[in-house]
């Protein structure tokens, strides 16, 4: 029962963000492109299998 309450209101994006935020490779890659333009960030996200439809 507690598990259901802990995950209430979360979706796939929330889980992906939590997983990637713990990945040293993702954090290092994001730090390297953080100051770059939007296209660089979108390319980086796609390289990790992320997609933002809006």
PDB file of N, CA and C in Angstrom:
ATOM      1  N   UNK A   1       0.821  -1.192   0.000  1.00  0.00           N
ATOM      2  CA  UNK A   1       0.000   0.000   0.000  1.00  0.00           C
ATOM      3  C   UNK A   1       0.865   1.256   0.000  1.00  0.00           C
ATOM      4  N   UNK A   2       1.917   1.286   0.769  1.00  0.00           N
ATOM      5  CA  UNK A   2       2.781   2.472   0.813  1.00  0.00           C
ATOM      6  C   UNK A   2       3.444   2.729  -0.531  1.00  0.00           C
ATOM      7  N   UNK A   3       3.777   1.670  -1.265  1.00  0.00           N
ATOM      8  CA  UNK A   3       4.405   1.842  -2.578  1.00  0.00           C
ATOM      9  C   UNK A   3       3.482   2.586  -3.522  1.00  0.00           C
ATOM     10  N   UNK A   4       2.234   2.253  -3.541  1.00  0.00           N
ATOM     11  CA  UNK A   4       1.279   2.932  -4.399  1.00  0.00           C
ATOM     12  C   UNK A   4       1.166   4.405  -4.063  1.00  0.00           C
ATOM     13  N   UNK A   5       1.216   4.727  -2.796  1.00  0.00           N
ATOM     14  CA  UNK A   5       1.137   6.121  -2.392  1.00  0.00           C
ATOM     15  C   UNK A   5       2.414   6.870  -2.778  1.00  0.00           C
ATOM     16  N   UNK A   6       3.559   6.215  -2.724  1.00  0.00           N
ATOM     17  CA  UNK A   6       4.827   6.869  -3.046  1.00  0.00           C
ATOM     18  C   UNK A   6       4.933   7.179  -4.529  1.00  0.00           C
ATOM     19  N   UNK A   7       4.244   6.421  -5.354  1.00  0.00           N
ATOM     20  CA  UNK A   7       4.329   6.629  -6.805  1.00  0.00           C
ATOM     21  C   UNK A   7       3.111   7.350  -7.377  1.00  0.00           C
ATOM     22  N   UNK A   8       2.151   7.688  -6.552  1.00  0.00           N
ATOM     23  CA  UNK A   8       0.944   8.362  -7.024  1.00  0.00           C
ATOM     24  C   UNK A   8       1.304   9.696  -7.669  1.00  0.00           C
ATOM     25  N   UNK A   9       0.739   9.940  -8.833  1.00  0.00           N
ATOM     26  CA  UNK A   9       0.952  11.205  -9.511  1.00  0.00           C
ATOM     27  C   UNK A   9       2.218  11.281 -10.340  1.00  0.00           C
ATOM     28  N   UNK A  10       2.993  10.221 -10.380  1.00  0.00           N
ATOM     29  CA  UNK A  10       4.224  10.227 -11.164  1.00  0.00           C
ATOM     30  C   UNK A  10       3.975   9.537 -12.504  1.00  0.00           C
ATOM     31  N   UNK A  11       4.679  10.013 -13.540  1.00  0.00           N
ATOM     32  CA  UNK A  11       4.540   9.389 -14.848  1.00  0.00           C
ATOM     33  C   UNK A  11       5.910   8.923 -15.338  1.00  0.00           C
ATOM     34  N   UNK A  12       5.952   8.441 -16.571  1.00  0.00           N
ATOM     35  CA  UNK A  12       7.197   7.918 -17.127  1.00  0.00           C
ATOM     36  C   UNK A  12       8.308   8.957 -17.142  1.00  0.00           C
ATOM     37  N   UNK A  13       7.964  10.195 -17.424  1.00  0.00           N
ATOM     38  CA  UNK A  13       8.967  11.265 -17.462  1.00  0.00           C
ATOM     39  C   UNK A  13       9.611  11.467 -16.093  1.00  0.00           C
ATOM     40  N   UNK A  14       8.814  11.364 -15.055  1.00  0.00           N
ATOM     41  CA  UNK A  14       9.354  11.508 -13.700  1.00  0.00           C
ATOM     42  C   UNK A  14      10.380  10.414 -13.404  1.00  0.00           C
ATOM     43  N   UNK A  15      10.066   9.200 -13.802  1.00  0.00           N
ATOM     44  CA  UNK A  15      10.985   8.095 -13.563  1.00  0.00           C
ATOM     45  C   UNK A  15      12.258   8.229 -14.401  1.00  0.00           C
ATOM     46  N   UNK A  16      12.103   8.664 -15.643  1.00  0.00           N
ATOM     47  CA  UNK A  16      13.278   8.865 -16.510  1.00  0.00           C
ATOM     48  C   UNK A  16      14.187   9.933 -15.925  1.00  0.00           C
ATOM     49  N   UNK A  17      13.597  11.024 -15.466  1.00  0.00           N
ATOM     50  CA  UNK A  17      14.392  12.103 -14.884  1.00  0.00           C
ATOM     51  C   UNK A  17      15.120  11.610 -13.631  1.00  0.00           C
ATOM     52  N   UNK A  18      14.443  10.869 -12.787  1.00  0.00           N
ATOM     53  CA  UNK A  18      15.073  10.368 -11.571  1.00  0.00           C
ATOM     54  C   UNK A  18      16.219   9.411 -11.901  1.00  0.00           C
ATOM     55  N   UNK A  19      16.018   8.550 -12.881  1.00  0.00           N
ATOM     56  CA  UNK A  19      17.055   7.605 -13.281  1.00  0.00           C
ATOM     57  C   UNK A  19      18.267   8.339 -13.851  1.00  0.00           C
ATOM     58  N   UNK A  20      18.012   9.243 -14.793  1.00  0.00           N
ATOM     59  CA  UNK A  20      19.117   9.943 -15.452  1.00  0.00           C
ATOM     60  C   UNK A  20      19.853  10.880 -14.504  1.00  0.00           C
ATOM     61  N   UNK A  21      19.155  11.463 -13.558  1.00  0.00           N
ATOM     62  CA  UNK A  21      19.818  12.388 -12.637  1.00  0.00           C
ATOM     63  C   UNK A  21      20.854  11.678 -11.765  1.00  0.00           C
ATOM     64  N   UNK A  22      20.778  10.356 -11.707  1.00  0.00           N
ATOM     65  CA  UNK A  22      21.744   9.580 -10.928  1.00  0.00           C
ATOM     66  C   UNK A  22      22.880   9.013 -11.786  1.00  0.00           C
ATOM     67  N   UNK A  23      22.805   9.220 -13.089  1.00  0.00           N
ATOM     68  CA  UNK A  23      23.808   8.686 -14.010  1.00  0.00           C
ATOM     69  C   UNK A  23      24.975   9.661 -14.163  1.00  0.00           C
ATOM     70  N   UNK A  24      26.176   9.263 -13.757  1.00  0.00           N
ATOM     71  CA  UNK A  24      27.339  10.152 -13.924  1.00  0.00           C
ATOM     72  C   UNK A  24      27.581  10.527 -15.389  1.00  0.00           C
ATOM     73  N   UNK A  25      27.362   9.617 -16.304  1.00  0.00           N
ATOM     74  CA  UNK A  25      27.575   9.906 -17.730  1.00  0.00           C
ATOM     75  C   UNK A  25      26.581  10.948 -18.224  1.00  0.00           C
ATOM     76  N   UNK A  26      25.326  10.835 -17.817  1.00  0.00           N
ATOM     77  CA  UNK A  26      24.317  11.814 -18.217  1.00  0.00           C
ATOM     78  C   UNK A  26      24.638  13.180 -17.623  1.00  0.00           C
ATOM     79  N   UNK A  27      24.963  13.212 -16.335  1.00  0.00           N
ATOM     80  CA  UNK A  27      25.269  14.487 -15.686  1.00  0.00           C
ATOM     81  C   UNK A  27      26.458  15.170 -16.333  1.00  0.00           C
ATOM     82  N   UNK A  28      27.494  14.409 -16.664  1.00  0.00           N
ATOM     83  CA  UNK A  28      28.678  14.988 -17.306  1.00  0.00           C
ATOM     84  C   UNK A  28      28.334  15.517 -18.692  1.00  0.00           C
ATOM     85  N   UNK A  29      27.561  14.752 -19.453  1.00  0.00           N
ATOM     86  CA  UNK A  29      27.157  15.187 -20.780  1.00  0.00           C
ATOM     87  C   UNK A  29      26.288  16.418 -20.733  1.00  0.00           C
ATOM     88  N   UNK A  30      25.360  16.455 -19.791  1.00  0.00           N
ATOM     89  CA  UNK A  30      24.488  17.622 -19.677  1.00  0.00           C
ATOM     90  C   UNK A  30      25.287  18.847 -19.269  1.00  0.00           C
ATOM     91  N   UNK A  31      26.216  18.692 -18.354  1.00  0.00           N
ATOM     92  CA  UNK A  31      27.045  19.825 -17.927  1.00  0.00           C
ATOM     93  C   UNK A  31      27.829  20.389 -19.109  1.00  0.00           C
ATOM     94  N   UNK A  32      28.246  19.524 -20.013  1.00  0.00           N
ATOM     95  CA  UNK A  32      29.029  19.961 -21.168  1.00  0.00           C
ATOM     96  C   UNK A  32      28.199  20.764 -22.168  1.00  0.00           C
ATOM     97  N   UNK A  33      26.892  20.538 -22.216  1.00  0.00           N
ATOM     98  CA  UNK A  33      26.068  21.243 -23.207  1.00  0.00           C
ATOM     99  C   UNK A  33      25.087  22.234 -22.566  1.00  0.00           C
ATOM    100  N   UNK A  34      25.095  22.370 -21.264  1.00  0.00           N
ATOM    101  CA  UNK A  34      24.096  23.180 -20.560  1.00  0.00           C
ATOM    102  C   UNK A  34      24.011  24.621 -21.059  1.00  0.00           C
ATOM    103  N   UNK A  35      25.119  25.196 -21.446  1.00  0.00           N
ATOM    104  CA  UNK A  35      25.113  26.597 -21.883  1.00  0.00           C
ATOM    105  C   UNK A  35      24.900  26.745 -23.388  1.00  0.00           C
ATOM    106  N   UNK A  36      24.715  25.652 -24.082  1.00  0.00           N
ATOM    107  CA  UNK A  36      24.553  25.708 -25.538  1.00  0.00           C
ATOM    108  C   UNK A  36      23.114  25.987 -25.933  1.00  0.00           C
ATOM    109  N   UNK A  37      22.885  26.064 -27.220  1.00  0.00           N
ATOM    110  CA  UNK A  37      21.559  26.420 -27.726  1.00  0.00           C
ATOM    111  C   UNK A  37      20.551  25.281 -27.576  1.00  0.00           C
ATOM    112  N   UNK A  38      19.319  25.617 -27.870  1.00  0.00           N
ATOM    113  CA  UNK A  38      18.217  24.662 -27.707  1.00  0.00           C
ATOM    114  C   UNK A  38      18.415  23.402 -28.549  1.00  0.00           C
ATOM    115  N   UNK A  39      18.890  23.570 -29.775  1.00  0.00           N
ATOM    116  CA  UNK A  39      19.071  22.409 -30.651  1.00  0.00           C
ATOM    117  C   UNK A  39      20.087  21.428 -30.064  1.00  0.00           C
ATOM    118  N   UNK A  40      21.150  21.931 -29.488  1.00  0.00           N
ATOM    119  CA  UNK A  40      22.153  21.064 -28.866  1.00  0.00           C
ATOM    120  C   UNK A  40      21.532  20.282 -27.717  1.00  0.00           C
ATOM    121  N   UNK A  41      20.684  20.934 -26.944  1.00  0.00           N
ATOM    122  CA  UNK A  41      20.020  20.258 -25.825  1.00  0.00           C
ATOM    123  C   UNK A  41      19.041  19.201 -26.321  1.00  0.00           C
ATOM    124  N   UNK A  42      18.318  19.508 -27.398  1.00  0.00           N
ATOM    125  CA  UNK A  42      17.377  18.537 -27.955  1.00  0.00           C
ATOM    126  C   UNK A  42      18.128  17.332 -28.528  1.00  0.00           C
ATOM    127  N   UNK A  43      19.242  17.586 -29.198  1.00  0.00           N
ATOM    128  CA  UNK A  43      20.055  16.484 -29.733  1.00  0.00           C
ATOM    129  C   UNK A  43      20.589  15.612 -28.608  1.00  0.00           C
ATOM    130  N   UNK A  44      21.034  16.248 -27.540  1.00  0.00           N
ATOM    131  CA  UNK A  44      21.529  15.509 -26.377  1.00  0.00           C
ATOM    132  C   UNK A  44      20.413  14.653 -25.775  1.00  0.00           C
ATOM    133  N   UNK A  45      19.241  15.240 -25.601  1.00  0.00           N
ATOM    134  CA  UNK A  45      18.111  14.497 -25.031  1.00  0.00           C
ATOM    135  C   UNK A  45      17.768  13.292 -25.894  1.00  0.00           C
ATOM    136  N   UNK A  46      17.726  13.495 -27.212  1.00  0.00           N
ATOM    137  CA  UNK A  46      17.417  12.373 -28.109  1.00  0.00           C
ATOM    138  C   UNK A  46      18.465  11.276 -28.013  1.00  0.00           C
ATOM    139  N   UNK A  47      19.724  11.657 -27.811  1.00  0.00           N
ATOM    140  CA  UNK A  47      20.780  10.641 -27.717  1.00  0.00           C
ATOM    141  C   UNK A  47      20.587   9.737 -26.493  1.00  0.00           C
ATOM    142  N   UNK A  48      19.827  10.215 -25.518  1.00  0.00           N
ATOM    143  CA  UNK A  48      19.520   9.421 -24.325  1.00  0.00           C
ATOM    144  C   UNK A  48      18.120   8.799 -24.410  1.00  0.00           C
ATOM    145  N   UNK A  49      17.484   8.937 -25.553  1.00  0.00           N
ATOM    146  CA  UNK A  49      16.178   8.333 -25.734  1.00  0.00           C
ATOM    147  C   UNK A  49      15.034   9.163 -25.207  1.00  0.00           C
ATOM    148  N   UNK A  50      15.282  10.439 -24.945  1.00  0.00           N
ATOM    149  CA  UNK A  50      14.231  11.315 -24.431  1.00  0.00           C
ATOM    150  C   UNK A  50      13.587  12.064 -25.576  1.00  0.00           C
ATOM    151  N   UNK A  51      12.318  12.344 -25.428  1.00  0.00           N
ATOM    152  CA  UNK A  51      11.562  13.064 -26.451  1.00  0.00           C
ATOM    153  C   UNK A  51      10.565  13.962 -25.756  1.00  0.00           C
ATOM    154  N   UNK A  52      10.526  15.212 -26.165  1.00  0.00           N
ATOM    155  CA  UNK A  52       9.621  16.177 -25.568  1.00  0.00           C
ATOM    156  C   UNK A  52       8.674  16.675 -26.646  1.00  0.00           C
ATOM    157  N   UNK A  53       7.440  16.191 -26.676  1.00  0.00           N
ATOM    158  CA  UNK A  53       6.519  16.505 -27.754  1.00  0.00           C
ATOM    159  C   UNK A  53       6.030  17.950 -27.789  1.00  0.00           C
ATOM    160  N   UNK A  54       6.141  18.683 -26.709  1.00  0.00           N
ATOM    161  CA  UNK A  54       5.606  20.056 -26.690  1.00  0.00           C
ATOM    162  C   UNK A  54       6.733  21.039 -26.758  1.00  0.00           C
TER     163      UNK A  54
END
